[in-house]
């Protein structure tokens, strides 16, 4: 049980690190790139990510 709990906490920390890294990248890019281009970039990334989630979900079932 202790090993499962340890892996669970590691997974939470890894997820938190990934979210923090993504947020830091968005803040950094917001200072470098004009807002219109940045909005188009993030829209394309979001559509791509959403389509991957849908395809993986259908593949799993």
PDB file of N, CA and C in Angstrom:
ATOM      1  N   UNK A   1       0.815  -1.197   0.000  1.00  0.00           N
ATOM      2  CA  UNK A   1       0.000   0.000   0.000  1.00  0.00           C
ATOM      3  C   UNK A   1       0.864   1.271   0.000  1.00  0.00           C
ATOM      4  N   UNK A   2       1.982   1.217   0.706  1.00  0.00           N
ATOM      5  CA  UNK A   2       2.867   2.380   0.760  1.00  0.00           C
ATOM      6  C   UNK A   2       3.444   2.707  -0.617  1.00  0.00           C
ATOM      7  N   UNK A   3       3.725   1.672  -1.395  1.00  0.00           N
ATOM      8  CA  UNK A   3       4.296   1.898  -2.726  1.00  0.00           C
ATOM      9  C   UNK A   3       3.275   2.553  -3.652  1.00  0.00           C
ATOM     10  N   UNK A   4       2.037   2.124  -3.565  1.00  0.00           N
ATOM     11  CA  UNK A   4       0.980   2.727  -4.380  1.00  0.00           C
ATOM     12  C   UNK A   4       0.806   4.191  -4.004  1.00  0.00           C
ATOM     13  N   UNK A   5       0.816   4.460  -2.719  1.00  0.00           N
ATOM     14  CA  UNK A   5       0.669   5.833  -2.250  1.00  0.00           C
ATOM     15  C   UNK A   5       1.846   6.696  -2.716  1.00  0.00           C
ATOM     16  N   UNK A   6       3.035   6.152  -2.685  1.00  0.00           N
ATOM     17  CA  UNK A   6       4.222   6.891  -3.133  1.00  0.00           C
ATOM     18  C   UNK A   6       4.135   7.213  -4.623  1.00  0.00           C
ATOM     19  N   UNK A   7       3.703   6.234  -5.432  1.00  0.00           N
ATOM     20  CA  UNK A   7       3.552   6.469  -6.871  1.00  0.00           C
ATOM     21  C   UNK A   7       2.446   7.475  -7.151  1.00  0.00           C
ATOM     22  N   UNK A   8       1.395   7.435  -6.359  1.00  0.00           N
ATOM     23  CA  UNK A   8       0.296   8.383  -6.518  1.00  0.00           C
ATOM     24  C   UNK A   8       0.787   9.810  -6.283  1.00  0.00           C
ATOM     25  N   UNK A   9       1.551  10.005  -5.220  1.00  0.00           N
ATOM     26  CA  UNK A   9       2.077  11.340  -4.931  1.00  0.00           C
ATOM     27  C   UNK A   9       3.078  11.792  -5.987  1.00  0.00           C
ATOM     28  N   UNK A  10       3.864  10.884  -6.510  1.00  0.00           N
ATOM     29  CA  UNK A  10       4.786  11.234  -7.594  1.00  0.00           C
ATOM     30  C   UNK A  10       4.013  11.663  -8.839  1.00  0.00           C
ATOM     31  N   UNK A  11       2.913  10.964  -9.132  1.00  0.00           N
ATOM     32  CA  UNK A  11       2.098  11.314 -10.292  1.00  0.00           C
ATOM     33  C   UNK A  11       1.479  12.694 -10.125  1.00  0.00           C
ATOM     34  N   UNK A  12       1.027  13.006  -8.921  1.00  0.00           N
ATOM     35  CA  UNK A  12       0.454  14.328  -8.668  1.00  0.00           C
ATOM     36  C   UNK A  12       1.515  15.410  -8.853  1.00  0.00           C
ATOM     37  N   UNK A  13       2.699  15.191  -8.317  1.00  0.00           N
ATOM     38  CA  UNK A  13       3.774  16.174  -8.469  1.00  0.00           C
ATOM     39  C   UNK A  13       4.198  16.333  -9.927  1.00  0.00           C
ATOM     40  N   UNK A  14       4.233  15.241 -10.662  1.00  0.00           N
ATOM     41  CA  UNK A  14       4.587  15.307 -12.078  1.00  0.00           C
ATOM     42  C   UNK A  14       3.535  16.080 -12.867  1.00  0.00           C
ATOM     43  N   UNK A  15       2.265  15.830 -12.577  1.00  0.00           N
ATOM     44  CA  UNK A  15       1.191  16.554 -13.258  1.00  0.00           C
ATOM     45  C   UNK A  15       1.255  18.041 -12.919  1.00  0.00           C
ATOM     46  N   UNK A  16       1.496  18.362 -11.665  1.00  0.00           N
ATOM     47  CA  UNK A  16       1.609  19.758 -11.253  1.00  0.00           C
ATOM     48  C   UNK A  16       2.784  20.436 -11.950  1.00  0.00           C
ATOM     49  N   UNK A  17       3.896  19.733 -12.071  1.00  0.00           N
ATOM     50  CA  UNK A  17       5.056  20.283 -12.764  1.00  0.00           C
ATOM     51  C   UNK A  17       4.740  20.535 -14.236  1.00  0.00           C
ATOM     52  N   UNK A  18       4.035  19.596 -14.875  1.00  0.00           N
ATOM     53  CA  UNK A  18       3.675  19.765 -16.282  1.00  0.00           C
ATOM     54  C   UNK A  18       2.755  20.952 -16.505  1.00  0.00           C
ATOM     55  N   UNK A  19       1.776  21.118 -15.633  1.00  0.00           N
ATOM     56  CA  UNK A  19       0.858  22.254 -15.742  1.00  0.00           C
ATOM     57  C   UNK A  19       1.607  23.561 -15.501  1.00  0.00           C
ATOM     58  N   UNK A  20       2.480  23.580 -14.521  1.00  0.00           N
ATOM     59  CA  UNK A  20       3.263  24.787 -14.222  1.00  0.00           C
ATOM     60  C   UNK A  20       4.181  25.153 -15.381  1.00  0.00           C
ATOM     61  N   UNK A  21       4.799  24.151 -15.973  1.00  0.00           N
ATOM     62  CA  UNK A  21       5.679  24.396 -17.110  1.00  0.00           C
ATOM     63  C   UNK A  21       4.896  24.953 -18.302  1.00  0.00           C
ATOM     64  N   UNK A  22       3.728  24.388 -18.567  1.00  0.00           N
ATOM     65  CA  UNK A  22       2.887  24.895 -19.648  1.00  0.00           C
ATOM     66  C   UNK A  22       2.430  26.318 -19.397  1.00  0.00           C
ATOM     67  N   UNK A  23       2.072  26.619 -18.157  1.00  0.00           N
ATOM     68  CA  UNK A  23       1.639  27.971 -17.814  1.00  0.00           C
ATOM     69  C   UNK A  23       2.786  28.962 -17.956  1.00  0.00           C
ATOM     70  N   UNK A  24       3.976  28.557 -17.525  1.00  0.00           N
ATOM     71  CA  UNK A  24       5.142  29.433 -17.658  1.00  0.00           C
ATOM     72  C   UNK A  24       5.459  29.693 -19.131  1.00  0.00           C
ATOM     73  N   UNK A  25       5.326  28.670 -19.964  1.00  0.00           N
ATOM     74  CA  UNK A  25       5.563  28.852 -21.398  1.00  0.00           C
ATOM     75  C   UNK A  25       4.549  29.819 -21.997  1.00  0.00           C
ATOM     76  N   UNK A  26       3.293  29.700 -21.586  1.00  0.00           N
ATOM     77  CA  UNK A  26       2.270  30.621 -22.097  1.00  0.00           C
ATOM     78  C   UNK A  26       2.562  32.052 -21.670  1.00  0.00           C
ATOM     79  N   UNK A  27       2.983  32.248 -20.438  1.00  0.00           N
ATOM     80  CA  UNK A  27       3.327  33.599 -19.984  1.00  0.00           C
ATOM     81  C   UNK A  27       4.521  34.157 -20.756  1.00  0.00           C
ATOM     82  N   UNK A  28       5.511  33.326 -20.984  1.00  0.00           N
ATOM     83  CA  UNK A  28       6.698  33.761 -21.722  1.00  0.00           C
ATOM     84  C   UNK A  28       6.344  34.135 -23.162  1.00  0.00           C
ATOM     85  N   UNK A  29       5.550  33.291 -23.811  1.00  0.00           N
ATOM     86  CA  UNK A  29       5.172  33.575 -25.197  1.00  0.00           C
ATOM     87  C   UNK A  29       4.266  34.792 -25.301  1.00  0.00           C
ATOM     88  N   UNK A  30       3.479  35.068 -24.262  1.00  0.00           N
ATOM     89  CA  UNK A  30       2.599  36.233 -24.288  1.00  0.00           C
ATOM     90  C   UNK A  30       3.397  37.531 -24.345  1.00  0.00           C
ATOM     91  N   UNK A  31       4.615  37.503 -23.847  1.00  0.00           N
ATOM     92  CA  UNK A  31       5.453  38.701 -23.900  1.00  0.00           C
ATOM     93  C   UNK A  31       6.211  38.820 -25.218  1.00  0.00           C
ATOM     94  N   UNK A  32       6.385  37.722 -25.933  1.00  0.00           N
ATOM     95  CA  UNK A  32       7.182  37.750 -27.158  1.00  0.00           C
ATOM     96  C   UNK A  32       6.361  37.914 -28.429  1.00  0.00           C
ATOM     97  N   UNK A  33       5.188  37.300 -28.475  1.00  0.00           N
ATOM     98  CA  UNK A  33       4.410  37.208 -29.711  1.00  0.00           C
ATOM     99  C   UNK A  33       3.173  38.088 -29.599  1.00  0.00           C
ATOM    100  N   UNK A  34       2.789  38.714 -30.717  1.00  0.00           N
ATOM    101  CA  UNK A  34       1.586  39.541 -30.688  1.00  0.00           C
ATOM    102  C   UNK A  34       0.350  38.684 -30.418  1.00  0.00           C
ATOM    103  N   UNK A  35      -0.671  39.303 -29.880  1.00  0.00           N
ATOM    104  CA  UNK A  35      -1.814  38.574 -29.329  1.00  0.00           C
ATOM    105  C   UNK A  35      -2.618  37.819 -30.389  1.00  0.00           C
ATOM    106  N   UNK A  36      -2.743  38.351 -31.595  1.00  0.00           N
ATOM    107  CA  UNK A  36      -3.528  37.675 -32.631  1.00  0.00           C
ATOM    108  C   UNK A  36      -2.869  36.366 -33.050  1.00  0.00           C
ATOM    109  N   UNK A  37      -1.587  36.414 -33.306  1.00  0.00           N
ATOM    110  CA  UNK A  37      -0.872  35.192 -33.687  1.00  0.00           C
ATOM    111  C   UNK A  37      -0.870  34.175 -32.559  1.00  0.00           C
ATOM    112  N   UNK A  38      -0.730  34.653 -31.343  1.00  0.00           N
ATOM    113  CA  UNK A  38      -0.718  33.760 -30.190  1.00  0.00           C
ATOM    114  C   UNK A  38      -2.076  33.093 -29.999  1.00  0.00           C
ATOM    115  N   UNK A  39      -3.151  33.836 -30.219  1.00  0.00           N
ATOM    116  CA  UNK A  39      -4.496  33.262 -30.096  1.00  0.00           C
ATOM    117  C   UNK A  39      -4.718  32.183 -31.149  1.00  0.00           C
ATOM    118  N   UNK A  40      -4.271  32.416 -32.377  1.00  0.00           N
ATOM    119  CA  UNK A  40      -4.400  31.405 -33.423  1.00  0.00           C
ATOM    120  C   UNK A  40      -3.575  30.166 -33.099  1.00  0.00           C
ATOM    121  N   UNK A  41      -2.389  30.376 -32.563  1.00  0.00           N
ATOM    122  CA  UNK A  41      -1.518  29.258 -32.195  1.00  0.00           C
ATOM    123  C   UNK A  41      -2.177  28.404 -31.117  1.00  0.00           C
ATOM    124  N   UNK A  42      -2.666  29.039 -30.067  1.00  0.00           N
ATOM    125  CA  UNK A  42      -3.279  28.272 -28.974  1.00  0.00           C
ATOM    126  C   UNK A  42      -4.584  27.614 -29.403  1.00  0.00           C
ATOM    127  N   UNK A  43      -5.324  28.241 -30.311  1.00  0.00           N
ATOM    128  CA  UNK A  43      -6.539  27.613 -30.829  1.00  0.00           C
ATOM    129  C   UNK A  43      -6.190  26.347 -31.598  1.00  0.00           C
ATOM    130  N   UNK A  44      -5.160  26.411 -32.430  1.00  0.00           N
ATOM    131  CA  UNK A  44      -4.740  25.221 -33.182  1.00  0.00           C
ATOM    132  C   UNK A  44      -4.257  24.126 -32.243  1.00  0.00           C
ATOM    133  N   UNK A  45      -3.494  24.483 -31.229  1.00  0.00           N
ATOM    134  CA  UNK A  45      -3.009  23.491 -30.262  1.00  0.00           C
ATOM    135  C   UNK A  45      -4.178  22.867 -29.506  1.00  0.00           C
ATOM    136  N   UNK A  46      -5.153  23.683 -29.097  1.00  0.00           N
ATOM    137  CA  UNK A  46      -6.310  23.157 -28.364  1.00  0.00           C
ATOM    138  C   UNK A  46      -7.139  22.213 -29.224  1.00  0.00           C
ATOM    139  N   UNK A  47      -7.347  22.557 -30.491  1.00  0.00           N
ATOM    140  CA  UNK A  47      -8.108  21.680 -31.388  1.00  0.00           C
ATOM    141  C   UNK A  47      -7.365  20.365 -31.591  1.00  0.00           C
ATOM    142  N   UNK A  48      -6.065  20.433 -31.776  1.00  0.00           N
ATOM    143  CA  UNK A  48      -5.265  19.224 -31.942  1.00  0.00           C
ATOM    144  C   UNK A  48      -5.317  18.355 -30.685  1.00  0.00           C
ATOM    145  N   UNK A  49      -5.167  18.969 -29.527  1.00  0.00           N
ATOM    146  CA  UNK A  49      -5.208  18.214 -28.267  1.00  0.00           C
ATOM    147  C   UNK A  49      -6.572  17.582 -28.045  1.00  0.00           C
ATOM    148  N   UNK A  50      -7.629  18.325 -28.345  1.00  0.00           N
ATOM    149  CA  UNK A  50      -8.979  17.801 -28.173  1.00  0.00           C
ATOM    150  C   UNK A  50      -9.233  16.628 -29.114  1.00  0.00           C
ATOM    151  N   UNK A  51      -8.755  16.744 -30.350  1.00  0.00           N
ATOM    152  CA  UNK A  51      -8.953  15.634 -31.290  1.00  0.00           C
ATOM    153  C   UNK A  51      -8.174  14.398 -30.849  1.00  0.00           C
ATOM    154  N   UNK A  52      -6.994  14.581 -30.275  1.00  0.00           N
ATOM    155  CA  UNK A  52      -6.250  13.436 -29.744  1.00  0.00           C
ATOM    156  C   UNK A  52      -6.996  12.779 -28.592  1.00  0.00           C
ATOM    157  N   UNK A  53      -7.577  13.583 -27.715  1.00  0.00           N
ATOM    158  CA  UNK A  53      -8.353  13.020 -26.605  1.00  0.00           C
ATOM    159  C   UNK A  53      -9.536  12.209 -27.113  1.00  0.00           C
ATOM    160  N   UNK A  54     -10.205  12.711 -28.137  1.00  0.00           N
ATOM    161  CA  UNK A  54     -11.356  11.988 -28.698  1.00  0.00           C
ATOM    162  C   UNK A  54     -10.897  10.688 -29.345  1.00  0.00           C
ATOM    163  N   UNK A  55      -9.829  10.746 -30.142  1.00  0.00           N
ATOM    164  CA  UNK A  55      -9.357   9.541 -30.818  1.00  0.00           C
ATOM    165  C   UNK A  55      -8.863   8.492 -29.834  1.00  0.00           C
ATOM    166  N   UNK A  56      -8.175   8.918 -28.803  1.00  0.00           N
ATOM    167  CA  UNK A  56      -7.705   7.962 -27.795  1.00  0.00           C
ATOM    168  C   UNK A  56      -8.881   7.363 -27.045  1.00  0.00           C
ATOM    169  N   UNK A  57      -9.895   8.161 -26.777  1.00  0.00           N
ATOM    170  CA  UNK A  57     -11.085   7.655 -26.095  1.00  0.00           C
ATOM    171  C   UNK A  57     -11.814   6.614 -26.921  1.00  0.00           C
ATOM    172  N   UNK A  58     -11.955   6.858 -28.218  1.00  0.00           N
ATOM    173  CA  UNK A  58     -12.634   5.887 -29.077  1.00  0.00           C
ATOM    174  C   UNK A  58     -11.800   4.622 -29.231  1.00  0.00           C
ATOM    175  N   UNK A  59     -10.505   4.777 -29.268  1.00  0.00           N
ATOM    176  CA  UNK A  59      -9.634   3.617 -29.405  1.00  0.00           C
ATOM    177  C   UNK A  59      -9.693   2.747 -28.155  1.00  0.00           C
ATOM    178  N   UNK A  60      -9.816   3.366 -27.003  1.00  0.00           N
ATOM    179  CA  UNK A  60      -9.864   2.610 -25.751  1.00  0.00           C
ATOM    180  C   UNK A  60     -11.148   1.806 -25.626  1.00  0.00           C
ATOM    181  N   UNK A  61     -12.232   2.345 -26.150  1.00  0.00           N
ATOM    182  CA  UNK A  61     -13.511   1.632 -26.015  1.00  0.00           C
ATOM    183  C   UNK A  61     -13.728   0.732 -27.189  1.00  0.00           C
TER     184      UNK A  61
END
